[in-house]
């Protein structure tokens, strides 16, 4: 990854985001302007993004780390994300991110994601989808602004969970933005809607870690890639167990410049044909 660039993943209905460049090695800032909702992504410094420093290293090393196992337990769910270039199998973690998982599964079961596209792709970073506007026009200029949670309106409406700006972040000491992690996109804290991203970067990221703030096994896992500077700001709720070659293919596709000036708009967008719920989780306490 080019270390001179950092990005932030943000979507939603509360403001516009513009990408700002790297100042020095780790200083990054978000700038939001009214009346637009173009998604952008910022790699933040560990100082800004870490919400994990309240736990001791010994305690961190005792945390369960379900992403590191391909086995599926009874308290996990499984989905098959079916795209026009192949399938991606993902296990979900309702024990640690119950709202994000319920939102994703319900949208999947109700066909909300059918025929949507991965509207934003960044090689050596991530692929982003979940905007329902992309089902109507996968090449629309304003993709990245659409999508709501299941609680915002309709049959599942619950304004205690989502009053209109999105539902809350669910940050866990057990889940990280490793390569293959499925995470919620947002427009700032507690603005989760329908959009999501899969971390694709495959380069060793351990040089960017404050190793005292991470379990030893997660430090080791980041040797295989991921985006640790997103940890603490984005809800991780799943992990790819098969089909990372499909994720890589989507991320490596030719892209052009979007409205924000970011070279991330795919010339030939890959579509999500549907998301099959293979397994729902047992009751999680």
Protein backbone atom coordinates (compact mmCIF):
# COMPACT_ATOMS: atom_id res chain seq x y z
CA UNK A 1 0.00 0.00 0.00
CA UNK A 2 1.20 3.54 -0.74
CA UNK A 3 1.81 4.85 2.75
CA UNK A 4 1.48 8.44 1.56
CA UNK A 5 -2.26 8.00 1.14
CA UNK A 6 -4.94 7.42 3.69
CA UNK A 7 -8.69 7.19 3.21
CA UNK A 8 -11.88 7.08 5.32
CA UNK A 9 -15.04 5.09 4.71
CA UNK A 10 -18.09 7.23 5.30
CA UNK A 11 -21.64 7.16 4.02
CA UNK A 12 -25.00 8.28 5.25
CA UNK A 13 -27.46 11.11 5.29
CA UNK A 14 -25.86 13.69 7.51
CA UNK A 15 -23.31 15.53 5.43
CA UNK A 16 -20.80 15.61 2.66
CA UNK A 17 -17.34 14.22 2.94
CA UNK A 18 -14.27 15.34 1.09
CA UNK A 19 -10.99 13.52 1.02
CA UNK A 20 -8.01 15.26 2.47
CA UNK A 21 -4.41 14.28 1.95
CA UNK A 22 -1.87 13.00 4.39
CA UNK A 23 -0.04 15.63 6.42
CA UNK A 24 3.12 14.06 7.72
CA UNK A 25 2.82 10.36 8.54
CA UNK A 26 -0.31 10.02 10.66
CA UNK A 27 -2.24 13.32 10.86
CA UNK A 28 -5.57 12.99 9.06
CA UNK A 29 -8.76 15.03 9.27
CA UNK A 30 -12.34 14.62 8.12
CA UNK A 31 -14.00 17.62 6.50
CA UNK A 32 -17.74 17.52 6.00
CA UNK A 33 -19.88 19.94 3.97
CA UNK A 34 -23.66 20.19 3.76
CA UNK A 35 -25.99 18.81 1.09
CA UNK A 36 -23.91 15.96 -0.31
CA UNK A 37 -23.36 12.42 0.88
CA UNK A 38 -20.50 11.16 -1.30
CA UNK A 39 -18.75 8.28 0.44
CA UNK A 40 -15.09 8.75 1.25
CA UNK A 41 -12.59 6.89 3.36
CA UNK A 42 -9.91 8.18 5.66
CA UNK A 43 -7.07 6.29 7.22
CA UNK A 44 -6.70 7.86 10.63
CA UNK A 45 -3.76 7.80 12.98
CA UNK A 46 -3.70 5.21 15.73
CA UNK A 47 -4.01 8.09 18.18
CA UNK A 48 -7.29 9.16 16.63
CA UNK A 49 -8.80 5.78 15.89
CA UNK A 50 -7.86 3.51 18.78
CA UNK A 51 -10.65 2.86 21.28
CA UNK A 52 -8.86 -0.17 22.73
CA UNK A 53 -6.26 1.27 25.04
CA UNK A 54 -8.35 0.91 28.20
CA UNK A 55 -7.64 -2.81 28.35
CA UNK A 56 -4.35 -4.24 29.51
CA UNK A 57 -2.29 -6.37 27.17
CA UNK A 58 -2.95 -9.43 29.35
CA UNK A 59 -6.70 -8.89 29.14
CA UNK A 60 -6.57 -8.25 25.38
CA UNK A 61 -4.78 -11.57 24.95
CA UNK A 62 -7.66 -13.32 26.71
CA UNK A 63 -10.35 -11.91 24.41
CA UNK A 64 -12.09 -14.38 22.06
CA UNK A 65 -11.07 -13.73 18.43
CA UNK A 66 -13.66 -15.41 16.20
CA UNK A 67 -12.28 -13.96 12.96
CA UNK A 68 -9.20 -16.14 13.26
CA UNK A 69 -11.15 -19.39 12.86
CA UNK A 70 -12.92 -20.57 9.71
CA UNK A 71 -15.09 -22.86 11.84
CA UNK A 72 -18.64 -21.64 12.40
CA UNK A 73 -20.08 -21.88 15.90
CA UNK A 74 -23.74 -22.03 16.90
CA UNK A 75 -23.76 -18.36 17.91
CA UNK A 76 -22.56 -17.23 14.47
CA UNK A 77 -24.50 -16.74 11.24
CA UNK A 78 -23.40 -17.49 7.67
CA UNK A 79 -24.30 -15.77 4.42
CA UNK A 80 -23.32 -16.35 0.80
CA UNK A 81 -22.92 -13.09 -1.08
CA UNK A 82 -23.58 -13.97 -4.71
CA UNK A 83 -21.99 -11.61 -7.23
CA UNK A 84 -21.74 -11.53 -10.99
CA UNK A 85 -18.09 -12.66 -10.74
CA UNK A 86 -18.45 -15.33 -8.04
CA UNK A 87 -19.58 -16.04 -4.50
CA UNK A 88 -18.21 -14.74 -1.20
CA UNK A 89 -18.91 -16.74 1.96
CA UNK A 90 -19.05 -14.70 5.16
CA UNK A 91 -19.65 -15.63 8.77
CA UNK A 92 -21.31 -13.02 10.98
CA UNK A 93 -20.87 -12.24 14.68
CA UNK A 94 -24.19 -11.32 16.34
CA UNK A 95 -22.68 -11.88 19.80
CA UNK A 96 -20.45 -8.83 19.29
CA UNK A 97 -22.41 -6.76 16.76
CA UNK A 98 -26.08 -7.76 17.10
CA UNK A 99 -27.55 -4.66 15.45
CA UNK A 100 -25.26 -4.75 12.43
CA UNK A 101 -25.88 -8.46 11.89
CA UNK A 102 -29.67 -8.19 12.27
CA UNK A 103 -29.74 -5.23 9.91
CA UNK A 104 -27.63 -7.02 7.28
CA UNK A 105 -29.47 -10.33 7.47
CA UNK A 106 -32.92 -8.72 7.37
CA UNK A 107 -31.95 -6.58 4.38
CA UNK A 108 -30.54 -9.70 2.71
CA UNK A 109 -33.68 -11.76 3.36
CA UNK A 110 -35.91 -9.00 2.04
CA UNK A 111 -33.89 -8.54 -1.15
CA UNK A 112 -32.71 -5.03 -0.30
CA UNK A 113 -29.24 -5.71 -1.69
CA UNK A 114 -30.37 -7.58 -4.81
CA UNK A 115 -28.90 -6.12 -8.02
CA UNK A 116 -26.95 -3.46 -6.14
CA UNK A 117 -23.32 -3.00 -7.09
CA UNK A 118 -19.98 -2.48 -5.45
CA UNK A 119 -19.99 1.20 -6.27
CA UNK A 120 -16.62 2.05 -4.70
CA UNK A 121 -13.48 -0.03 -5.10
CA UNK A 122 -9.95 0.79 -3.97
CA UNK A 123 -7.18 -1.67 -4.71
CA UNK A 124 -5.15 -2.52 -1.59
CA UNK A 125 -7.87 -1.08 0.62
CA UNK A 126 -11.51 -2.21 0.37
CA UNK A 127 -14.67 -2.70 -1.70
CA UNK A 128 -17.90 -0.94 -0.72
CA UNK A 129 -21.53 -1.69 -1.52
CA UNK A 130 -25.04 -1.59 -0.12
CA UNK A 131 -26.40 1.56 -1.75
CA UNK A 132 -29.88 0.71 -3.12
CA UNK A 133 -29.54 3.48 -5.71
CA UNK A 134 -26.97 1.34 -7.50
CA UNK A 135 -29.67 -1.21 -8.37
CA UNK A 136 -31.37 1.45 -10.47
CA UNK A 137 -28.23 2.84 -12.06
CA UNK A 138 -24.83 1.28 -11.23
CA UNK A 139 -23.11 4.20 -12.96
CA UNK A 140 -24.97 7.05 -11.28
CA UNK A 141 -22.78 9.94 -10.18
CA UNK A 142 -24.21 10.20 -6.67
CA UNK A 143 -23.72 6.61 -5.51
CA UNK A 144 -22.61 6.40 -1.90
CA UNK A 145 -25.39 8.63 -0.61
CA UNK A 146 -28.18 6.07 -0.37
CA UNK A 147 -29.42 3.43 2.01
CA UNK A 148 -31.11 3.16 5.38
CA UNK A 149 -31.19 0.68 8.21
CA UNK A 150 -34.16 -1.63 8.70
CA UNK A 151 -35.22 0.49 11.70
CA UNK A 152 -35.34 3.85 9.91
CA UNK A 153 -38.78 3.27 8.37
CA UNK A 154 -41.24 0.64 7.23
CA UNK A 155 -42.18 -2.65 8.87
CA UNK A 156 -39.24 -2.75 11.29
CA UNK A 157 -39.29 0.94 12.19
CA UNK A 158 -37.87 1.58 15.64
CA UNK A 159 -36.75 5.12 16.38
CA UNK A 160 -35.14 4.01 19.62
CA UNK A 161 -32.57 2.19 17.49
CA UNK A 162 -32.47 4.54 14.49
CA UNK A 163 -34.10 7.95 14.78
CA UNK A 164 -33.22 8.76 11.18
CA UNK A 165 -29.46 9.24 11.26
CA UNK A 166 -28.49 5.57 11.55
CA UNK A 167 -27.86 3.11 14.35
CA UNK A 168 -25.02 3.06 16.83
CA UNK A 169 -21.51 1.73 16.31
CA UNK A 170 -20.69 -1.60 17.95
CA UNK A 171 -16.99 -1.67 18.74
CA UNK A 172 -15.52 -4.83 20.23
CA UNK A 173 -12.14 -5.90 21.56
CA UNK A 174 -12.78 -9.19 19.72
CA UNK A 175 -13.21 -7.85 16.17
CA UNK A 176 -10.81 -5.97 13.88
CA UNK A 177 -10.54 -4.69 10.30
CA UNK A 178 -8.39 -7.59 9.18
CA UNK A 179 -8.15 -8.60 5.54
CA UNK A 180 -11.56 -10.09 4.72
CA UNK A 181 -13.40 -8.35 7.57
CA UNK A 182 -16.93 -7.18 6.78
CA UNK A 183 -17.64 -3.77 8.33
CA UNK A 184 -20.34 -1.10 8.32
CA UNK A 185 -19.70 2.10 6.41
CA UNK A 186 -20.75 5.28 8.17
CA UNK A 187 -20.75 9.09 8.06
CA UNK A 188 -19.33 9.44 11.54
CA UNK A 189 -20.12 7.87 14.91
CA UNK A 190 -23.48 6.07 15.17
CA UNK A 191 -24.69 6.71 11.61
CA UNK A 192 -24.86 3.15 10.29
CA UNK A 193 -27.41 2.53 7.54
CA UNK A 194 -27.21 -0.15 4.85
CA UNK A 195 -23.79 0.31 3.30
CA UNK A 196 -20.89 -1.98 4.11
CA UNK A 197 -17.35 -2.70 3.02
CA UNK A 198 -14.98 -5.67 2.88
CA UNK A 199 -11.37 -4.97 3.83
CA UNK A 200 -9.19 -6.12 0.92
CA UNK A 201 -5.67 -4.85 1.59
CA UNK A 202 -3.24 -7.77 1.60
CA UNK A 203 -0.06 -6.06 2.72
CA UNK A 204 1.64 -6.43 6.09
CA UNK A 205 0.31 -3.66 8.34
CA UNK A 206 2.11 -4.45 11.58
CA UNK A 207 4.39 -1.41 11.25
CA UNK A 208 1.31 0.78 11.71
CA UNK A 209 0.14 -0.91 14.91
CA UNK A 210 0.53 0.12 18.49
CA UNK A 211 1.11 -3.48 19.49
CA UNK A 212 0.27 -2.76 23.15
CA UNK A 213 -3.30 -1.98 22.05
CA UNK A 214 -3.85 -5.24 20.17
CA UNK A 215 -3.95 -8.93 21.10
CA UNK A 216 -0.80 -10.72 20.00
CA UNK A 217 -2.78 -12.96 17.63
CA UNK A 218 -4.33 -9.93 15.93
CA UNK A 219 -0.91 -8.35 15.48
CA UNK A 220 0.13 -11.58 13.76
CA UNK A 221 -3.06 -11.59 11.65
CA UNK A 222 -2.37 -8.06 10.41
CA UNK A 223 0.75 -9.44 8.71
CA UNK A 224 -1.71 -10.81 6.13
CA UNK A 225 -3.31 -7.41 5.55
CA UNK A 226 -6.24 -5.29 6.61
CA UNK A 227 -6.78 -1.72 7.70
CA UNK A 228 -5.96 -1.31 11.40
CA UNK A 229 -6.37 2.47 11.35
CA UNK A 230 -10.11 1.91 10.87
CA UNK A 231 -10.35 -0.01 14.15
CA UNK A 232 -12.50 1.73 16.71
CA UNK A 233 -14.44 3.85 14.20
CA UNK A 234 -16.25 1.24 12.11
CA UNK A 235 -18.34 -1.71 13.23
CA UNK A 236 -16.79 -5.03 12.22
CA UNK A 237 -19.53 -7.68 12.05
CA UNK A 238 -18.30 -10.46 9.78
CA UNK A 239 -15.35 -12.24 8.19
CA UNK A 240 -14.92 -13.75 4.72
CA UNK A 241 -14.28 -17.49 4.99
CA UNK A 242 -14.20 -18.26 1.26
CA UNK A 243 -14.09 -16.16 -1.87
CA UNK A 244 -11.34 -13.64 -1.13
CA UNK A 245 -10.19 -14.13 -4.72
CA UNK A 246 -13.54 -12.63 -5.73
CA UNK A 247 -12.99 -9.69 -3.37
CA UNK A 248 -9.55 -9.16 -4.91
CA UNK A 249 -10.95 -9.30 -8.42
CA UNK A 250 -13.53 -6.64 -7.56
CA UNK A 251 -10.95 -4.42 -5.87
CA UNK A 252 -8.48 -4.70 -8.75
CA UNK A 253 -10.97 -3.66 -11.43
CA UNK A 254 -10.39 -0.59 -13.56
CA UNK A 255 -11.81 2.53 -11.94
CA UNK A 256 -12.38 6.13 -12.84
CA UNK A 257 -12.74 9.34 -10.84
CA UNK A 258 -15.93 9.90 -8.85
CA UNK A 259 -17.52 13.22 -7.90
CA UNK A 260 -15.13 13.64 -4.98
CA UNK A 261 -12.10 13.26 -7.21
CA UNK A 262 -11.31 9.80 -5.86
CA UNK A 263 -10.24 7.16 -8.37
CA UNK A 264 -12.68 4.54 -7.05
CA UNK A 265 -15.67 4.41 -9.38
CA UNK A 266 -15.58 1.05 -11.21
CA UNK A 267 -15.87 1.26 -14.97
CA UNK A 268 -17.76 -2.04 -15.04
CA UNK A 269 -19.44 -2.38 -11.62
CA UNK A 270 -19.80 -5.87 -10.16
CA UNK A 271 -23.35 -6.56 -9.03
CA UNK A 272 -24.69 -8.43 -6.04
CA UNK A 273 -27.22 -10.88 -7.45
CA UNK A 274 -28.45 -11.74 -3.98
CA UNK A 275 -27.37 -12.66 -0.47
CA UNK A 276 -28.35 -16.13 0.72
CA UNK A 277 -28.67 -16.63 4.48
CA UNK A 278 -27.12 -20.08 4.97
CA UNK A 279 -27.27 -20.18 8.77
CA UNK A 280 -28.83 -18.01 11.41
CA UNK A 281 -27.30 -17.87 14.85
CA UNK A 282 -28.70 -19.50 17.95
CA UNK A 283 -30.01 -17.10 20.57
CA UNK A 284 -27.13 -14.92 21.70
CA UNK A 285 -27.04 -13.46 25.18
